[in-house]
N, C-alpha and C. Protein backbone atom coordinates (compact mmCIF):
# COMPACT_ATOMS: atom_id res chain seq x y z
N UNK A 1 2.20 -28.93 23.84
CA UNK A 1 2.25 -28.55 22.45
C UNK A 1 2.08 -27.04 22.34
N UNK A 2 2.96 -26.37 21.65
CA UNK A 2 2.90 -24.92 21.54
C UNK A 2 1.93 -24.52 20.43
N UNK A 3 1.22 -23.43 20.67
CA UNK A 3 0.27 -22.97 19.65
C UNK A 3 1.02 -22.09 18.65
N UNK A 4 0.63 -22.19 17.39
CA UNK A 4 1.29 -21.40 16.35
C UNK A 4 0.51 -20.11 16.14
N UNK A 5 1.23 -19.03 15.93
CA UNK A 5 0.58 -17.77 15.63
C UNK A 5 0.08 -17.79 14.20
N UNK A 6 -1.01 -17.10 14.02
CA UNK A 6 -1.59 -17.01 12.68
C UNK A 6 -0.65 -16.22 11.77
N UNK A 7 -0.42 -16.70 10.57
CA UNK A 7 0.47 -16.04 9.62
C UNK A 7 -0.28 -15.79 8.33
N UNK A 8 -0.24 -14.57 7.86
CA UNK A 8 -0.89 -14.21 6.59
C UNK A 8 0.20 -14.02 5.54
N UNK A 9 0.13 -14.78 4.48
CA UNK A 9 1.11 -14.69 3.40
C UNK A 9 0.60 -13.74 2.32
N UNK A 10 1.50 -13.02 1.68
CA UNK A 10 1.13 -12.23 0.51
C UNK A 10 1.00 -13.19 -0.67
N UNK A 11 0.42 -12.70 -1.74
CA UNK A 11 0.28 -13.51 -2.95
C UNK A 11 1.65 -13.91 -3.48
N UNK A 12 2.59 -13.01 -3.36
CA UNK A 12 3.96 -13.28 -3.81
C UNK A 12 4.57 -14.45 -3.03
N UNK A 13 4.38 -14.44 -1.71
CA UNK A 13 4.90 -15.52 -0.87
C UNK A 13 4.21 -16.84 -1.20
N UNK A 14 2.90 -16.77 -1.39
CA UNK A 14 2.15 -17.99 -1.75
C UNK A 14 2.63 -18.54 -3.08
N UNK A 15 2.92 -17.64 -4.03
CA UNK A 15 3.43 -18.07 -5.33
C UNK A 15 4.77 -18.79 -5.20
N UNK A 16 5.63 -18.28 -4.32
CA UNK A 16 6.93 -18.91 -4.09
C UNK A 16 6.75 -20.29 -3.46
N UNK A 17 5.81 -20.42 -2.52
CA UNK A 17 5.54 -21.72 -1.89
C UNK A 17 5.05 -22.72 -2.92
N UNK A 18 4.14 -22.28 -3.80
CA UNK A 18 3.62 -23.17 -4.84
C UNK A 18 4.74 -23.65 -5.75
N UNK A 19 5.60 -22.73 -6.15
CA UNK A 19 6.73 -23.11 -7.03
C UNK A 19 7.62 -24.15 -6.35
N UNK A 20 7.89 -23.94 -5.08
CA UNK A 20 8.76 -24.88 -4.36
C UNK A 20 8.08 -26.25 -4.20
N UNK A 21 6.76 -26.25 -4.00
CA UNK A 21 6.04 -27.53 -3.91
C UNK A 21 6.06 -28.25 -5.27
N UNK A 22 5.94 -27.49 -6.33
CA UNK A 22 5.92 -28.09 -7.67
C UNK A 22 7.26 -28.68 -8.07
N UNK A 23 8.36 -28.17 -7.50
CA UNK A 23 9.66 -28.76 -7.83
C UNK A 23 10.03 -29.90 -6.88
N UNK A 24 9.11 -30.19 -5.93
CA UNK A 24 9.32 -31.38 -5.12
C UNK A 24 9.60 -31.21 -3.66
N UNK A 25 9.63 -29.99 -3.14
CA UNK A 25 9.84 -29.83 -1.70
C UNK A 25 8.63 -30.35 -0.94
N UNK A 26 8.85 -30.82 0.25
CA UNK A 26 7.74 -31.41 1.02
C UNK A 26 6.97 -30.36 1.80
N UNK A 27 5.69 -30.67 2.05
CA UNK A 27 4.83 -29.80 2.85
C UNK A 27 5.44 -29.54 4.22
N UNK A 28 5.89 -30.61 4.88
CA UNK A 28 6.39 -30.47 6.24
C UNK A 28 7.65 -29.61 6.31
N UNK A 29 8.50 -29.71 5.30
CA UNK A 29 9.72 -28.89 5.25
C UNK A 29 9.36 -27.41 5.14
N UNK A 30 8.42 -27.09 4.25
CA UNK A 30 7.99 -25.70 4.07
C UNK A 30 7.24 -25.20 5.30
N UNK A 31 6.43 -26.07 5.90
CA UNK A 31 5.68 -25.69 7.10
C UNK A 31 6.64 -25.30 8.22
N UNK A 32 7.69 -26.07 8.41
CA UNK A 32 8.68 -25.74 9.44
C UNK A 32 9.37 -24.42 9.13
N UNK A 33 9.78 -24.25 7.87
CA UNK A 33 10.49 -23.04 7.47
C UNK A 33 9.65 -21.78 7.70
N UNK A 34 8.36 -21.85 7.39
CA UNK A 34 7.50 -20.68 7.51
C UNK A 34 6.78 -20.59 8.86
N UNK A 35 6.94 -21.60 9.68
CA UNK A 35 6.34 -21.58 11.02
C UNK A 35 4.83 -21.72 11.02
N UNK A 36 4.32 -22.54 10.11
CA UNK A 36 2.87 -22.78 10.02
C UNK A 36 2.62 -24.28 10.00
N UNK A 37 1.38 -24.66 10.12
CA UNK A 37 1.03 -26.07 10.04
C UNK A 37 1.05 -26.57 8.61
N UNK A 38 1.19 -27.87 8.44
CA UNK A 38 1.26 -28.42 7.08
C UNK A 38 -0.07 -28.24 6.35
N UNK A 39 -1.18 -28.12 7.10
CA UNK A 39 -2.48 -27.91 6.46
C UNK A 39 -2.54 -26.54 5.77
N UNK A 40 -1.83 -25.55 6.33
CA UNK A 40 -1.77 -24.23 5.70
C UNK A 40 -1.09 -24.31 4.35
N UNK A 41 0.01 -25.04 4.30
CA UNK A 41 0.73 -25.23 3.03
C UNK A 41 -0.14 -25.99 2.04
N UNK A 42 -0.86 -27.00 2.54
CA UNK A 42 -1.75 -27.78 1.67
C UNK A 42 -2.87 -26.92 1.08
N UNK A 43 -3.43 -26.02 1.91
CA UNK A 43 -4.49 -25.14 1.42
C UNK A 43 -3.97 -24.17 0.35
N UNK A 44 -2.76 -23.69 0.53
CA UNK A 44 -2.16 -22.81 -0.48
C UNK A 44 -2.03 -23.57 -1.79
N UNK A 45 -1.55 -24.83 -1.70
CA UNK A 45 -1.39 -25.63 -2.92
C UNK A 45 -2.74 -25.97 -3.54
N UNK A 46 -3.74 -26.20 -2.70
CA UNK A 46 -5.08 -26.52 -3.20
C UNK A 46 -5.65 -25.34 -4.00
N UNK A 47 -5.36 -24.12 -3.57
CA UNK A 47 -5.87 -22.91 -4.24
C UNK A 47 -4.87 -22.34 -5.24
N UNK A 48 -3.97 -23.18 -5.75
CA UNK A 48 -2.88 -22.68 -6.59
C UNK A 48 -3.37 -22.00 -7.86
N UNK A 49 -4.48 -22.45 -8.45
CA UNK A 49 -4.95 -21.82 -9.69
C UNK A 49 -5.36 -20.37 -9.46
N UNK A 50 -6.12 -20.12 -8.39
CA UNK A 50 -6.53 -18.76 -8.07
C UNK A 50 -5.32 -17.90 -7.71
N UNK A 51 -4.40 -18.47 -6.97
CA UNK A 51 -3.22 -17.73 -6.54
C UNK A 51 -2.34 -17.40 -7.75
N UNK A 52 -2.15 -18.36 -8.65
CA UNK A 52 -1.34 -18.11 -9.85
C UNK A 52 -1.98 -17.05 -10.73
N UNK A 53 -3.30 -17.09 -10.85
CA UNK A 53 -4.02 -16.10 -11.65
C UNK A 53 -3.78 -14.70 -11.07
N UNK A 54 -3.88 -14.58 -9.77
CA UNK A 54 -3.64 -13.30 -9.11
C UNK A 54 -2.18 -12.90 -9.23
N UNK A 55 -1.28 -13.85 -9.08
CA UNK A 55 0.15 -13.59 -9.19
C UNK A 55 0.49 -13.08 -10.60
N UNK A 56 -0.09 -13.70 -11.62
CA UNK A 56 0.18 -13.31 -13.00
C UNK A 56 -0.43 -11.97 -13.36
N UNK A 57 -1.46 -11.55 -12.64
CA UNK A 57 -2.06 -10.24 -12.92
C UNK A 57 -1.40 -9.13 -12.10
N UNK A 58 -0.27 -9.45 -11.45
CA UNK A 58 0.53 -8.48 -10.69
C UNK A 58 -0.19 -7.90 -9.48
N UNK A 59 -1.15 -8.61 -8.93
CA UNK A 59 -1.79 -8.19 -7.69
C UNK A 59 -1.08 -8.96 -6.57
N UNK A 60 0.04 -8.43 -6.09
CA UNK A 60 0.91 -9.18 -5.19
C UNK A 60 0.78 -8.80 -3.72
N UNK A 61 0.27 -7.64 -3.40
CA UNK A 61 0.23 -7.18 -2.02
C UNK A 61 -0.87 -7.81 -1.17
N UNK A 62 -2.10 -8.01 -1.69
CA UNK A 62 -3.16 -8.52 -0.83
C UNK A 62 -2.81 -9.89 -0.25
N UNK A 63 -3.30 -10.12 0.94
CA UNK A 63 -3.03 -11.39 1.59
C UNK A 63 -4.19 -12.35 1.39
N UNK A 64 -5.35 -11.81 1.05
CA UNK A 64 -6.52 -12.65 0.77
C UNK A 64 -6.99 -12.40 -0.65
N UNK A 65 -7.50 -13.45 -1.26
CA UNK A 65 -8.12 -13.32 -2.58
C UNK A 65 -9.62 -13.24 -2.37
N UNK A 66 -10.14 -12.04 -2.42
CA UNK A 66 -11.57 -11.85 -2.19
C UNK A 66 -12.28 -11.70 -3.52
N UNK A 67 -13.43 -12.32 -3.59
CA UNK A 67 -14.28 -12.12 -4.75
C UNK A 67 -15.33 -11.10 -4.40
N UNK A 68 -15.84 -10.45 -5.41
CA UNK A 68 -16.92 -9.50 -5.21
C UNK A 68 -18.21 -10.27 -4.93
N UNK A 69 -19.08 -9.67 -4.13
CA UNK A 69 -20.38 -10.30 -3.89
C UNK A 69 -21.21 -10.30 -5.16
N UNK A 70 -20.98 -9.32 -5.98
CA UNK A 70 -21.70 -9.20 -7.25
C UNK A 70 -20.73 -9.57 -8.38
N UNK A 71 -20.39 -10.83 -8.46
CA UNK A 71 -19.37 -11.30 -9.40
C UNK A 71 -19.72 -10.98 -10.85
N UNK A 72 -21.00 -11.11 -11.21
CA UNK A 72 -21.38 -10.83 -12.60
C UNK A 72 -21.24 -9.34 -12.93
N UNK A 73 -21.55 -8.46 -11.98
CA UNK A 73 -21.36 -7.02 -12.20
C UNK A 73 -19.87 -6.73 -12.32
N UNK A 74 -19.08 -7.34 -11.44
CA UNK A 74 -17.63 -7.17 -11.44
C UNK A 74 -17.04 -7.58 -12.79
N UNK A 75 -17.43 -8.76 -13.28
CA UNK A 75 -16.88 -9.27 -14.54
C UNK A 75 -17.31 -8.42 -15.74
N UNK A 76 -18.58 -8.01 -15.75
CA UNK A 76 -19.07 -7.16 -16.84
C UNK A 76 -18.35 -5.82 -16.84
N UNK A 77 -18.13 -5.26 -15.65
CA UNK A 77 -17.47 -3.96 -15.54
C UNK A 77 -16.01 -4.04 -15.97
N UNK A 78 -15.30 -5.09 -15.61
CA UNK A 78 -13.89 -5.19 -16.01
C UNK A 78 -13.77 -5.40 -17.52
N UNK A 79 -14.70 -6.14 -18.10
CA UNK A 79 -14.69 -6.31 -19.56
C UNK A 79 -14.93 -4.98 -20.26
N UNK A 80 -15.94 -4.23 -19.77
CA UNK A 80 -16.24 -2.92 -20.33
C UNK A 80 -15.04 -1.99 -20.17
N UNK A 81 -14.43 -2.00 -18.97
CA UNK A 81 -13.28 -1.15 -18.69
C UNK A 81 -12.14 -1.43 -19.67
N UNK A 82 -11.81 -2.70 -19.85
CA UNK A 82 -10.71 -3.06 -20.76
C UNK A 82 -11.02 -2.64 -22.18
N UNK A 83 -12.26 -2.83 -22.59
CA UNK A 83 -12.67 -2.47 -23.95
C UNK A 83 -12.53 -0.96 -24.18
N UNK A 84 -13.02 -0.15 -23.25
CA UNK A 84 -12.95 1.30 -23.37
C UNK A 84 -11.51 1.79 -23.25
N UNK A 85 -10.76 1.21 -22.32
CA UNK A 85 -9.37 1.63 -22.12
C UNK A 85 -8.52 1.32 -23.35
N UNK A 86 -8.80 0.19 -24.03
CA UNK A 86 -8.06 -0.15 -25.25
C UNK A 86 -8.31 0.86 -26.36
N UNK A 87 -9.44 1.55 -26.30
CA UNK A 87 -9.74 2.58 -27.30
C UNK A 87 -9.07 3.90 -26.95
N UNK A 88 -8.39 3.95 -25.78
CA UNK A 88 -7.68 5.15 -25.39
C UNK A 88 -8.57 6.19 -24.72
N UNK A 89 -9.74 5.79 -24.26
CA UNK A 89 -10.66 6.72 -23.63
C UNK A 89 -10.41 6.73 -22.12
N UNK A 90 -10.18 7.89 -21.53
CA UNK A 90 -9.97 7.95 -20.08
C UNK A 90 -11.27 7.64 -19.34
N UNK A 91 -11.14 6.94 -18.21
CA UNK A 91 -12.31 6.52 -17.45
C UNK A 91 -12.17 7.02 -16.02
N UNK A 92 -13.21 7.69 -15.53
CA UNK A 92 -13.19 8.22 -14.17
C UNK A 92 -13.95 7.29 -13.22
N UNK A 93 -13.77 7.52 -11.91
CA UNK A 93 -14.48 6.76 -10.91
C UNK A 93 -16.00 6.87 -11.05
N UNK A 94 -16.54 8.10 -11.22
CA UNK A 94 -17.98 8.22 -11.42
C UNK A 94 -18.50 7.49 -12.66
N UNK A 95 -17.68 7.43 -13.71
CA UNK A 95 -18.09 6.67 -14.90
C UNK A 95 -18.20 5.18 -14.56
N UNK A 96 -17.23 4.68 -13.78
CA UNK A 96 -17.26 3.28 -13.36
C UNK A 96 -18.49 3.02 -12.50
N UNK A 97 -18.79 3.94 -11.58
CA UNK A 97 -19.95 3.78 -10.71
C UNK A 97 -21.24 3.71 -11.52
N UNK A 98 -21.38 4.63 -12.45
CA UNK A 98 -22.59 4.67 -13.28
C UNK A 98 -22.74 3.39 -14.10
N UNK A 99 -21.64 2.94 -14.66
CA UNK A 99 -21.68 1.72 -15.47
C UNK A 99 -21.98 0.50 -14.61
N UNK A 100 -21.40 0.43 -13.40
CA UNK A 100 -21.66 -0.70 -12.50
C UNK A 100 -23.13 -0.74 -12.10
N UNK A 101 -23.71 0.43 -11.80
CA UNK A 101 -25.14 0.48 -11.48
C UNK A 101 -25.99 0.05 -12.68
N UNK A 102 -25.54 0.42 -13.87
CA UNK A 102 -26.25 0.00 -15.09
C UNK A 102 -26.20 -1.51 -15.29
N UNK A 103 -25.04 -2.10 -15.07
CA UNK A 103 -24.92 -3.57 -15.19
C UNK A 103 -25.78 -4.27 -14.14
N UNK A 104 -25.78 -3.74 -12.92
CA UNK A 104 -26.59 -4.35 -11.86
C UNK A 104 -28.07 -4.33 -12.23
N UNK A 105 -28.52 -3.20 -12.77
CA UNK A 105 -29.91 -3.11 -13.20
C UNK A 105 -30.20 -4.10 -14.33
N UNK A 106 -29.27 -4.21 -15.26
CA UNK A 106 -29.43 -5.13 -16.39
C UNK A 106 -29.51 -6.58 -15.92
N UNK A 107 -28.76 -6.90 -14.85
CA UNK A 107 -28.77 -8.27 -14.31
C UNK A 107 -29.90 -8.49 -13.31
N UNK A 108 -30.71 -7.46 -13.07
CA UNK A 108 -31.84 -7.59 -12.16
C UNK A 108 -31.47 -7.56 -10.69
N UNK A 109 -30.34 -6.97 -10.36
CA UNK A 109 -29.90 -6.86 -8.97
C UNK A 109 -30.41 -5.52 -8.44
N UNK A 110 -31.49 -5.56 -7.71
CA UNK A 110 -32.15 -4.33 -7.28
C UNK A 110 -31.53 -3.69 -6.05
N UNK A 111 -30.88 -4.48 -5.20
CA UNK A 111 -30.33 -3.93 -3.96
C UNK A 111 -28.88 -3.45 -4.10
N UNK A 112 -28.36 -3.39 -5.32
CA UNK A 112 -26.98 -2.96 -5.54
C UNK A 112 -26.95 -1.46 -5.78
N UNK A 113 -26.12 -0.76 -5.00
CA UNK A 113 -25.89 0.66 -5.21
C UNK A 113 -24.39 0.87 -5.14
N UNK A 114 -23.79 1.10 -6.26
CA UNK A 114 -22.34 1.19 -6.34
C UNK A 114 -21.84 2.42 -5.59
N UNK A 115 -20.95 2.20 -4.65
CA UNK A 115 -20.37 3.28 -3.85
C UNK A 115 -18.92 3.53 -4.29
N UNK A 116 -18.37 4.62 -3.78
CA UNK A 116 -16.97 4.92 -4.08
C UNK A 116 -16.05 3.86 -3.49
N UNK A 117 -16.43 3.31 -2.33
CA UNK A 117 -15.59 2.27 -1.72
C UNK A 117 -15.65 0.97 -2.54
N UNK A 118 -16.81 0.66 -3.16
CA UNK A 118 -16.91 -0.52 -4.01
C UNK A 118 -15.98 -0.35 -5.21
N UNK A 119 -15.97 0.86 -5.79
CA UNK A 119 -15.08 1.15 -6.92
C UNK A 119 -13.62 1.04 -6.49
N UNK A 120 -13.32 1.53 -5.30
CA UNK A 120 -11.96 1.45 -4.79
C UNK A 120 -11.51 -0.01 -4.67
N UNK A 121 -12.36 -0.86 -4.10
CA UNK A 121 -12.02 -2.29 -3.98
C UNK A 121 -11.94 -2.95 -5.35
N UNK A 122 -12.80 -2.53 -6.28
CA UNK A 122 -12.78 -3.04 -7.65
C UNK A 122 -11.42 -2.75 -8.29
N UNK A 123 -10.93 -1.53 -8.10
CA UNK A 123 -9.64 -1.14 -8.65
C UNK A 123 -8.51 -1.97 -8.06
N UNK A 124 -8.58 -2.24 -6.76
CA UNK A 124 -7.55 -3.07 -6.12
C UNK A 124 -7.61 -4.50 -6.64
N UNK A 125 -8.84 -5.05 -6.75
CA UNK A 125 -9.00 -6.44 -7.23
C UNK A 125 -8.41 -6.62 -8.62
N UNK A 126 -8.53 -5.59 -9.45
CA UNK A 126 -8.11 -5.72 -10.84
C UNK A 126 -6.84 -4.92 -11.16
N UNK A 127 -6.16 -4.45 -10.12
CA UNK A 127 -4.88 -3.75 -10.29
C UNK A 127 -5.00 -2.56 -11.25
N UNK A 128 -6.02 -1.76 -11.04
CA UNK A 128 -6.25 -0.58 -11.86
C UNK A 128 -5.70 0.62 -11.12
N UNK A 129 -4.85 1.36 -11.79
CA UNK A 129 -4.29 2.57 -11.19
C UNK A 129 -4.80 3.77 -11.96
N UNK A 130 -5.04 4.85 -11.24
CA UNK A 130 -5.52 6.07 -11.87
C UNK A 130 -4.38 6.72 -12.61
N UNK A 131 -4.67 7.23 -13.74
CA UNK A 131 -3.65 7.92 -14.50
C UNK A 131 -4.21 8.39 -15.82
N UNK A 132 -3.62 9.42 -16.33
CA UNK A 132 -4.08 9.94 -17.61
C UNK A 132 -3.45 9.15 -18.73
N UNK A 133 -4.22 8.97 -19.77
CA UNK A 133 -3.70 8.32 -20.96
C UNK A 133 -3.10 9.41 -21.83
N UNK A 134 -1.82 9.29 -22.11
CA UNK A 134 -1.14 10.31 -22.89
C UNK A 134 -0.53 9.68 -24.14
N UNK A 135 -0.17 10.53 -25.06
CA UNK A 135 0.48 10.03 -26.26
C UNK A 135 -0.38 10.25 -27.48
N UNK A 136 -0.01 9.60 -28.54
CA UNK A 136 -0.72 9.75 -29.81
C UNK A 136 -2.07 9.06 -29.75
N UNK A 137 -3.07 9.72 -30.27
CA UNK A 137 -4.41 9.14 -30.29
C UNK A 137 -4.54 8.20 -31.48
N UNK A 138 -5.17 7.07 -31.26
CA UNK A 138 -5.33 6.11 -32.34
C UNK A 138 -6.44 6.51 -33.28
N UNK A 139 -7.29 7.48 -32.87
CA UNK A 139 -8.43 7.86 -33.71
C UNK A 139 -8.15 9.08 -34.57
N UNK A 140 -6.92 9.57 -34.61
CA UNK A 140 -6.59 10.75 -35.40
C UNK A 140 -6.52 10.38 -36.88
N UNK A 141 -7.17 11.19 -37.69
CA UNK A 141 -7.15 11.00 -39.14
C UNK A 141 -5.82 11.52 -39.68
N UNK A 142 -4.98 10.63 -40.17
CA UNK A 142 -3.64 11.01 -40.64
C UNK A 142 -3.69 11.93 -41.85
N UNK A 143 -4.68 11.76 -42.73
CA UNK A 143 -4.78 12.63 -43.91
C UNK A 143 -5.08 14.07 -43.50
N UNK A 144 -5.93 14.25 -42.50
CA UNK A 144 -6.26 15.60 -42.03
C UNK A 144 -5.04 16.28 -41.44
N UNK A 145 -4.26 15.55 -40.66
CA UNK A 145 -3.08 16.17 -40.06
C UNK A 145 -2.04 16.52 -41.12
N UNK A 146 -1.88 15.65 -42.10
CA UNK A 146 -0.93 15.93 -43.18
C UNK A 146 -1.36 17.16 -43.97
N UNK A 147 -2.64 17.23 -44.30
CA UNK A 147 -3.16 18.41 -45.03
C UNK A 147 -2.99 19.69 -44.22
N UNK A 148 -3.24 19.63 -42.92
CA UNK A 148 -3.10 20.81 -42.05
C UNK A 148 -1.64 21.25 -42.02
N UNK A 149 -0.72 20.28 -41.90
CA UNK A 149 0.70 20.63 -41.86
C UNK A 149 1.16 21.27 -43.17
N UNK A 150 0.58 20.86 -44.28
CA UNK A 150 0.99 21.40 -45.59
C UNK A 150 0.33 22.75 -45.87
N UNK A 151 -0.96 22.87 -45.59
CA UNK A 151 -1.68 24.08 -45.98
C UNK A 151 -1.78 25.16 -44.90
N UNK A 152 -2.00 24.80 -43.66
CA UNK A 152 -2.25 25.79 -42.60
C UNK A 152 -0.98 26.15 -41.83
N UNK A 153 -0.19 25.17 -41.47
CA UNK A 153 0.96 25.40 -40.60
C UNK A 153 1.97 26.42 -41.14
N UNK A 154 2.37 26.37 -42.40
CA UNK A 154 3.37 27.36 -42.86
C UNK A 154 2.92 28.81 -42.68
N UNK A 155 1.65 29.10 -42.97
CA UNK A 155 1.15 30.48 -42.80
C UNK A 155 1.07 30.85 -41.32
N UNK A 156 0.66 29.92 -40.50
CA UNK A 156 0.56 30.15 -39.06
C UNK A 156 1.95 30.34 -38.45
N UNK A 157 2.89 29.57 -38.90
CA UNK A 157 4.26 29.57 -38.38
C UNK A 157 4.94 30.92 -38.58
N UNK A 158 4.67 31.56 -39.71
CA UNK A 158 5.31 32.85 -40.01
C UNK A 158 4.92 33.95 -39.03
N UNK A 159 3.80 33.78 -38.32
CA UNK A 159 3.31 34.81 -37.41
C UNK A 159 4.00 34.78 -36.04
N UNK A 160 4.79 33.75 -35.77
CA UNK A 160 5.39 33.58 -34.45
C UNK A 160 6.89 33.33 -34.54
N UNK A 161 7.62 33.78 -33.49
CA UNK A 161 9.05 33.50 -33.42
C UNK A 161 9.25 32.11 -32.82
N UNK A 162 10.47 31.60 -32.90
CA UNK A 162 10.76 30.27 -32.33
C UNK A 162 10.50 30.21 -30.83
N UNK A 163 10.71 31.33 -30.12
CA UNK A 163 10.50 31.36 -28.67
C UNK A 163 9.04 31.26 -28.28
N UNK A 164 8.13 31.47 -29.22
CA UNK A 164 6.70 31.48 -28.92
C UNK A 164 6.00 30.18 -29.32
N UNK A 165 6.75 29.18 -29.75
CA UNK A 165 6.14 27.92 -30.21
C UNK A 165 6.49 26.81 -29.23
N UNK A 166 5.47 26.10 -28.79
CA UNK A 166 5.63 25.01 -27.84
C UNK A 166 4.86 23.78 -28.32
N UNK A 167 5.36 22.63 -27.98
CA UNK A 167 4.64 21.38 -28.22
C UNK A 167 4.13 20.92 -26.86
N UNK A 168 2.88 21.21 -26.57
CA UNK A 168 2.32 20.92 -25.24
C UNK A 168 2.14 19.43 -25.02
N UNK A 169 2.04 18.65 -26.07
CA UNK A 169 1.87 17.20 -25.91
C UNK A 169 3.12 16.58 -25.31
N UNK A 170 4.27 17.03 -25.72
CA UNK A 170 5.51 16.45 -25.24
C UNK A 170 6.08 17.17 -24.02
N UNK A 171 5.82 18.48 -23.90
CA UNK A 171 6.42 19.22 -22.81
C UNK A 171 5.54 19.32 -21.58
N UNK A 172 4.25 19.10 -21.73
CA UNK A 172 3.35 19.25 -20.59
C UNK A 172 3.26 20.70 -20.17
N UNK A 173 2.60 21.54 -20.96
CA UNK A 173 2.51 22.97 -20.73
C UNK A 173 1.60 23.26 -19.54
N UNK A 174 2.13 23.89 -18.51
CA UNK A 174 1.37 24.24 -17.31
C UNK A 174 1.34 25.74 -17.16
N UNK A 175 0.25 26.27 -16.61
CA UNK A 175 0.18 27.71 -16.35
C UNK A 175 -0.57 27.96 -15.05
N UNK A 176 -0.38 29.16 -14.49
CA UNK A 176 -1.06 29.53 -13.24
C UNK A 176 -2.29 30.34 -13.51
């Protein structure tokens, strides 16, 4: 009997296997096609809820679904992150670290010290990419901007030529 080499599937591949099992393909047929034992296919199907959740959150590259050792800190931090991000507030790694340490203290976890690598893995688990939030701010008072455009802008505009006026929000004004 020949031994089979260990095969690690991505979440995307596991999702495809689950779909094929759900439409009626057999375990043994898929096992032969992928060169794995039928128990491997069965385990993928057994964990289909976790795999589908990961698949739907667009975390497709990892081959393993790892949970954080501090699941309650992880869940509290992702809720806080989503809440703050929805308000359009940029969040840095040190802010995440400080907040994670705060949640750990609140939950009574004394041996938790949030590191940069923990934050890095947190970002991978939740498909968080670094980037600046750009565009119109949701907290801008529209009446103030309208009043400024009517009362201040015309007088300010007369002091400059067309070549000296830039919209840095749309053009991304850079200087050395």
